[in-house]
Amino acid sequence: MYRHQVVMRSLHILLLCVLGAALLSSVLCNNGLGPNDCCFTLYPRRVKRSLVSTYYMTDFRCPKTGVILVTEKKRSICVDQNLQWVQGIMKDLDEKSF
């Protein structure tokens, strides 16, 4: 009977260690230092300047570089930073901020 109790206690400790390791690994994975905002597809149409309140560039670690335009309604739209109309919006917003 004593041996059975030792085996059961050992199994409980092993189970707790496995559970603890699983919880710790999920916490460490959620706190990764990867990029937050990336563009995986770019919006194909032109966006009206009057709808855009601000913009920011995607993280350098993203697979595609781009610009994220933020509308007055807080909608984020990924666009190609090389397009002339996008550069015009960026320039206009930069000049407004000074």
N, C-alpha and C. Protein backbone atom coordinates (compact mmCIF):
# COMPACT_ATOMS: atom_id res chain seq x y z
N MET A 1 0.82 -1.18 0.00
CA MET A 1 0.00 0.00 0.00
C MET A 1 0.88 1.26 0.00
N TYR A 2 1.94 1.28 0.77
CA TYR A 2 2.82 2.44 0.84
C TYR A 2 3.44 2.74 -0.52
N ARG A 3 3.84 1.71 -1.24
CA ARG A 3 4.46 1.91 -2.55
C ARG A 3 3.47 2.55 -3.52
N HIS A 4 2.22 2.17 -3.45
CA HIS A 4 1.18 2.75 -4.31
C HIS A 4 1.04 4.25 -4.04
N GLN A 5 1.11 4.67 -2.80
CA GLN A 5 1.00 6.09 -2.45
C GLN A 5 2.19 6.88 -3.00
N VAL A 6 3.38 6.32 -2.95
CA VAL A 6 4.58 6.98 -3.46
C VAL A 6 4.47 7.16 -4.97
N VAL A 7 4.01 6.14 -5.67
CA VAL A 7 3.85 6.21 -7.12
C VAL A 7 2.81 7.27 -7.48
N MET A 8 1.71 7.30 -6.78
CA MET A 8 0.65 8.28 -7.07
C MET A 8 1.15 9.70 -6.79
N ARG A 9 1.87 9.89 -5.70
CA ARG A 9 2.40 11.21 -5.38
C ARG A 9 3.39 11.66 -6.46
N SER A 10 4.23 10.73 -6.91
CA SER A 10 5.19 11.04 -7.97
C SER A 10 4.47 11.41 -9.26
N LEU A 11 3.40 10.73 -9.60
CA LEU A 11 2.63 11.04 -10.79
C LEU A 11 1.98 12.42 -10.68
N HIS A 12 1.47 12.75 -9.51
CA HIS A 12 0.87 14.07 -9.30
C HIS A 12 1.91 15.18 -9.47
N ILE A 13 3.08 14.98 -8.92
CA ILE A 13 4.16 15.98 -9.05
C ILE A 13 4.57 16.12 -10.51
N LEU A 14 4.70 15.00 -11.21
CA LEU A 14 5.05 15.04 -12.63
C LEU A 14 3.97 15.77 -13.44
N LEU A 15 2.73 15.49 -13.15
CA LEU A 15 1.62 16.15 -13.84
C LEU A 15 1.63 17.65 -13.58
N LEU A 16 1.89 18.07 -12.36
CA LEU A 16 1.97 19.49 -12.04
C LEU A 16 3.13 20.17 -12.76
N CYS A 17 4.26 19.47 -12.86
CA CYS A 17 5.42 20.03 -13.58
C CYS A 17 5.11 20.20 -15.06
N VAL A 18 4.46 19.21 -15.66
CA VAL A 18 4.11 19.31 -17.08
C VAL A 18 3.10 20.45 -17.30
N LEU A 19 2.12 20.54 -16.43
CA LEU A 19 1.13 21.62 -16.54
C LEU A 19 1.80 22.98 -16.37
N GLY A 20 2.68 23.10 -15.41
CA GLY A 20 3.41 24.36 -15.20
C GLY A 20 4.25 24.74 -16.40
N ALA A 21 4.93 23.77 -16.99
CA ALA A 21 5.76 24.04 -18.17
C ALA A 21 4.89 24.48 -19.34
N ALA A 22 3.72 23.87 -19.52
CA ALA A 22 2.82 24.24 -20.61
C ALA A 22 2.31 25.67 -20.41
N LEU A 23 1.94 26.03 -19.21
CA LEU A 23 1.46 27.39 -18.95
C LEU A 23 2.57 28.41 -19.14
N LEU A 24 3.77 28.10 -18.69
CA LEU A 24 4.89 29.01 -18.83
C LEU A 24 5.24 29.21 -20.31
N SER A 25 5.23 28.15 -21.09
CA SER A 25 5.57 28.29 -22.51
C SER A 25 4.53 29.12 -23.24
N SER A 26 3.25 29.00 -22.89
CA SER A 26 2.22 29.81 -23.56
C SER A 26 2.37 31.28 -23.19
N VAL A 27 2.75 31.58 -21.98
CA VAL A 27 2.98 32.98 -21.58
C VAL A 27 4.18 33.54 -22.31
N LEU A 28 5.25 32.78 -22.43
CA LEU A 28 6.44 33.25 -23.12
C LEU A 28 6.17 33.46 -24.60
N CYS A 29 5.35 32.62 -25.21
CA CYS A 29 5.04 32.78 -26.63
C CYS A 29 4.19 34.02 -26.87
N ASN A 30 3.28 34.34 -25.97
CA ASN A 30 2.42 35.52 -26.14
C ASN A 30 3.19 36.81 -25.97
N ASN A 31 4.31 36.79 -25.29
CA ASN A 31 5.10 37.99 -25.08
C ASN A 31 6.25 38.09 -26.08
N GLY A 32 6.08 37.51 -27.26
CA GLY A 32 7.13 37.55 -28.27
C GLY A 32 7.41 38.98 -28.72
N LEU A 33 8.56 39.18 -29.25
CA LEU A 33 8.96 40.52 -29.67
C LEU A 33 8.88 40.68 -31.18
N GLY A 34 7.90 40.05 -31.79
CA GLY A 34 7.72 40.16 -33.23
C GLY A 34 7.00 41.46 -33.60
N PRO A 35 6.88 41.71 -34.88
CA PRO A 35 6.19 42.93 -35.31
C PRO A 35 4.71 42.89 -35.00
N ASN A 36 4.15 44.05 -34.68
CA ASN A 36 2.74 44.13 -34.34
C ASN A 36 1.86 44.37 -35.55
N ASP A 37 2.21 45.33 -36.37
CA ASP A 37 1.37 45.72 -37.50
C ASP A 37 2.09 45.46 -38.81
N CYS A 38 1.59 44.48 -39.55
CA CYS A 38 2.15 44.15 -40.86
C CYS A 38 1.03 44.18 -41.89
N CYS A 39 1.40 44.45 -43.13
CA CYS A 39 0.46 44.41 -44.24
C CYS A 39 0.71 43.12 -45.02
N PHE A 40 -0.30 42.27 -45.11
CA PHE A 40 -0.17 41.04 -45.88
C PHE A 40 -0.82 41.19 -47.25
N THR A 41 -1.79 42.08 -47.34
CA THR A 41 -2.37 42.46 -48.63
C THR A 41 -2.50 43.97 -48.64
N LEU A 42 -2.31 44.55 -49.80
CA LEU A 42 -2.38 46.00 -49.94
C LEU A 42 -3.70 46.39 -50.60
N TYR A 43 -4.30 47.45 -50.10
CA TYR A 43 -5.57 47.94 -50.63
C TYR A 43 -5.33 48.42 -52.06
N PRO A 44 -6.12 47.94 -53.02
CA PRO A 44 -5.82 48.22 -54.43
C PRO A 44 -6.31 49.58 -54.95
N ARG A 45 -7.24 50.23 -54.22
CA ARG A 45 -7.82 51.47 -54.74
C ARG A 45 -7.28 52.69 -54.02
N ARG A 46 -7.54 53.82 -54.61
CA ARG A 46 -7.12 55.09 -54.03
C ARG A 46 -8.03 55.45 -52.86
N VAL A 47 -7.46 56.05 -51.82
CA VAL A 47 -8.22 56.48 -50.65
C VAL A 47 -8.28 58.01 -50.66
N LYS A 48 -9.46 58.55 -50.38
CA LYS A 48 -9.61 60.02 -50.36
C LYS A 48 -8.81 60.60 -49.21
N ARG A 49 -8.09 61.66 -49.48
CA ARG A 49 -7.27 62.33 -48.46
C ARG A 49 -8.13 62.79 -47.29
N SER A 50 -9.35 63.25 -47.58
CA SER A 50 -10.23 63.79 -46.53
C SER A 50 -10.63 62.72 -45.50
N LEU A 51 -10.50 61.45 -45.85
CA LEU A 51 -10.87 60.38 -44.93
C LEU A 51 -9.73 59.99 -43.99
N VAL A 52 -8.50 60.38 -44.32
CA VAL A 52 -7.32 59.92 -43.57
C VAL A 52 -6.95 60.92 -42.49
N SER A 53 -6.81 60.43 -41.26
CA SER A 53 -6.44 61.32 -40.15
C SER A 53 -4.95 61.22 -39.81
N THR A 54 -4.36 60.04 -40.01
CA THR A 54 -2.94 59.85 -39.73
C THR A 54 -2.43 58.63 -40.49
N TYR A 55 -1.14 58.38 -40.38
CA TYR A 55 -0.54 57.20 -41.01
C TYR A 55 0.67 56.77 -40.20
N TYR A 56 1.11 55.55 -40.44
CA TYR A 56 2.38 55.08 -39.90
C TYR A 56 2.91 53.97 -40.79
N MET A 57 4.21 53.77 -40.72
CA MET A 57 4.88 52.77 -41.53
C MET A 57 4.79 51.40 -40.85
N THR A 58 4.81 50.35 -41.66
CA THR A 58 4.85 49.01 -41.08
C THR A 58 6.22 48.77 -40.46
N ASP A 59 6.29 47.80 -39.59
CA ASP A 59 7.54 47.43 -38.93
C ASP A 59 8.53 46.90 -39.96
N PHE A 60 9.80 47.17 -39.76
CA PHE A 60 10.82 46.72 -40.70
C PHE A 60 10.95 45.20 -40.75
N ARG A 61 10.43 44.52 -39.74
CA ARG A 61 10.51 43.06 -39.70
C ARG A 61 9.36 42.38 -40.45
N CYS A 62 8.43 43.15 -40.97
CA CYS A 62 7.30 42.59 -41.72
C CYS A 62 7.77 42.09 -43.09
N PRO A 63 7.08 41.09 -43.63
CA PRO A 63 7.49 40.57 -44.94
C PRO A 63 7.27 41.58 -46.08
N LYS A 64 6.26 42.43 -45.97
CA LYS A 64 6.01 43.47 -46.97
C LYS A 64 6.09 44.82 -46.28
N THR A 65 6.77 45.77 -46.92
CA THR A 65 6.76 47.12 -46.37
C THR A 65 5.53 47.83 -46.90
N GLY A 66 5.02 48.73 -46.13
CA GLY A 66 3.84 49.47 -46.54
C GLY A 66 3.55 50.59 -45.58
N VAL A 67 2.48 51.30 -45.89
CA VAL A 67 2.00 52.39 -45.06
C VAL A 67 0.60 52.01 -44.58
N ILE A 68 0.33 52.26 -43.32
CA ILE A 68 -1.00 52.02 -42.78
C ILE A 68 -1.67 53.37 -42.60
N LEU A 69 -2.70 53.63 -43.41
CA LEU A 69 -3.48 54.85 -43.30
C LEU A 69 -4.58 54.61 -42.28
N VAL A 70 -4.76 55.57 -41.37
CA VAL A 70 -5.81 55.45 -40.36
C VAL A 70 -6.87 56.49 -40.69
N THR A 71 -8.11 56.03 -40.85
CA THR A 71 -9.20 56.93 -41.22
C THR A 71 -9.77 57.62 -39.98
N GLU A 72 -10.64 58.59 -40.23
CA GLU A 72 -11.30 59.31 -39.13
C GLU A 72 -12.10 58.34 -38.25
N LYS A 73 -12.60 57.27 -38.84
CA LYS A 73 -13.38 56.28 -38.10
C LYS A 73 -12.50 55.18 -37.50
N LYS A 74 -11.19 55.42 -37.44
CA LYS A 74 -10.20 54.51 -36.83
C LYS A 74 -10.06 53.20 -37.59
N ARG A 75 -10.31 53.21 -38.87
CA ARG A 75 -10.10 52.03 -39.71
C ARG A 75 -8.68 52.09 -40.27
N SER A 76 -7.96 50.98 -40.25
CA SER A 76 -6.60 50.91 -40.76
C SER A 76 -6.60 50.29 -42.15
N ILE A 77 -5.92 50.96 -43.08
CA ILE A 77 -5.87 50.49 -44.46
C ILE A 77 -4.40 50.42 -44.89
N CYS A 78 -3.97 49.23 -45.31
CA CYS A 78 -2.60 49.04 -45.80
C CYS A 78 -2.51 49.42 -47.26
N VAL A 79 -1.53 50.27 -47.59
CA VAL A 79 -1.33 50.70 -48.97
C VAL A 79 0.15 50.66 -49.31
N ASP A 80 0.41 50.69 -50.61
CA ASP A 80 1.78 50.67 -51.13
C ASP A 80 2.42 52.04 -50.93
N GLN A 81 3.54 52.08 -50.25
CA GLN A 81 4.21 53.35 -49.95
C GLN A 81 4.82 54.00 -51.18
N ASN A 82 4.97 53.27 -52.25
CA ASN A 82 5.60 53.80 -53.46
C ASN A 82 4.63 54.51 -54.40
N LEU A 83 3.34 54.42 -54.13
CA LEU A 83 2.36 55.08 -54.99
C LEU A 83 2.38 56.58 -54.75
N GLN A 84 2.24 57.32 -55.83
CA GLN A 84 2.35 58.78 -55.76
C GLN A 84 1.25 59.39 -54.87
N TRP A 85 0.02 58.89 -54.96
CA TRP A 85 -1.05 59.45 -54.15
C TRP A 85 -0.84 59.17 -52.66
N VAL A 86 -0.21 58.04 -52.34
CA VAL A 86 0.10 57.72 -50.94
C VAL A 86 1.17 58.69 -50.42
N GLN A 87 2.20 58.92 -51.22
CA GLN A 87 3.24 59.87 -50.84
C GLN A 87 2.67 61.27 -50.66
N GLY A 88 1.68 61.64 -51.50
CA GLY A 88 1.04 62.94 -51.36
C GLY A 88 0.29 63.08 -50.04
N ILE A 89 -0.43 62.02 -49.64
CA ILE A 89 -1.15 62.03 -48.36
C ILE A 89 -0.16 62.13 -47.21
N MET A 90 0.92 61.36 -47.28
CA MET A 90 1.93 61.38 -46.22
C MET A 90 2.55 62.77 -46.09
N LYS A 91 2.88 63.38 -47.22
CA LYS A 91 3.49 64.72 -47.21
C LYS A 91 2.52 65.73 -46.63
N ASP A 92 1.25 65.65 -47.04
CA ASP A 92 0.25 66.59 -46.54
C ASP A 92 0.06 66.45 -45.03
N LEU A 93 0.01 65.24 -44.54
CA LEU A 93 -0.16 65.01 -43.09
C LEU A 93 1.08 65.46 -42.33
N ASP A 94 2.27 65.22 -42.90
CA ASP A 94 3.50 65.67 -42.25
C ASP A 94 3.55 67.20 -42.15
N GLU A 95 3.16 67.89 -43.21
CA GLU A 95 3.16 69.36 -43.19
C GLU A 95 2.13 69.92 -42.23
N LYS A 96 1.00 69.22 -42.09
CA LYS A 96 -0.04 69.66 -41.16
C LYS A 96 0.40 69.55 -39.71
N SER A 97 1.28 68.57 -39.42
CA SER A 97 1.67 68.33 -38.04
C SER A 97 2.67 69.38 -37.53
N PHE A 98 3.24 70.19 -38.42
CA PHE A 98 4.20 71.22 -37.99
C PHE A 98 3.55 72.52 -37.75
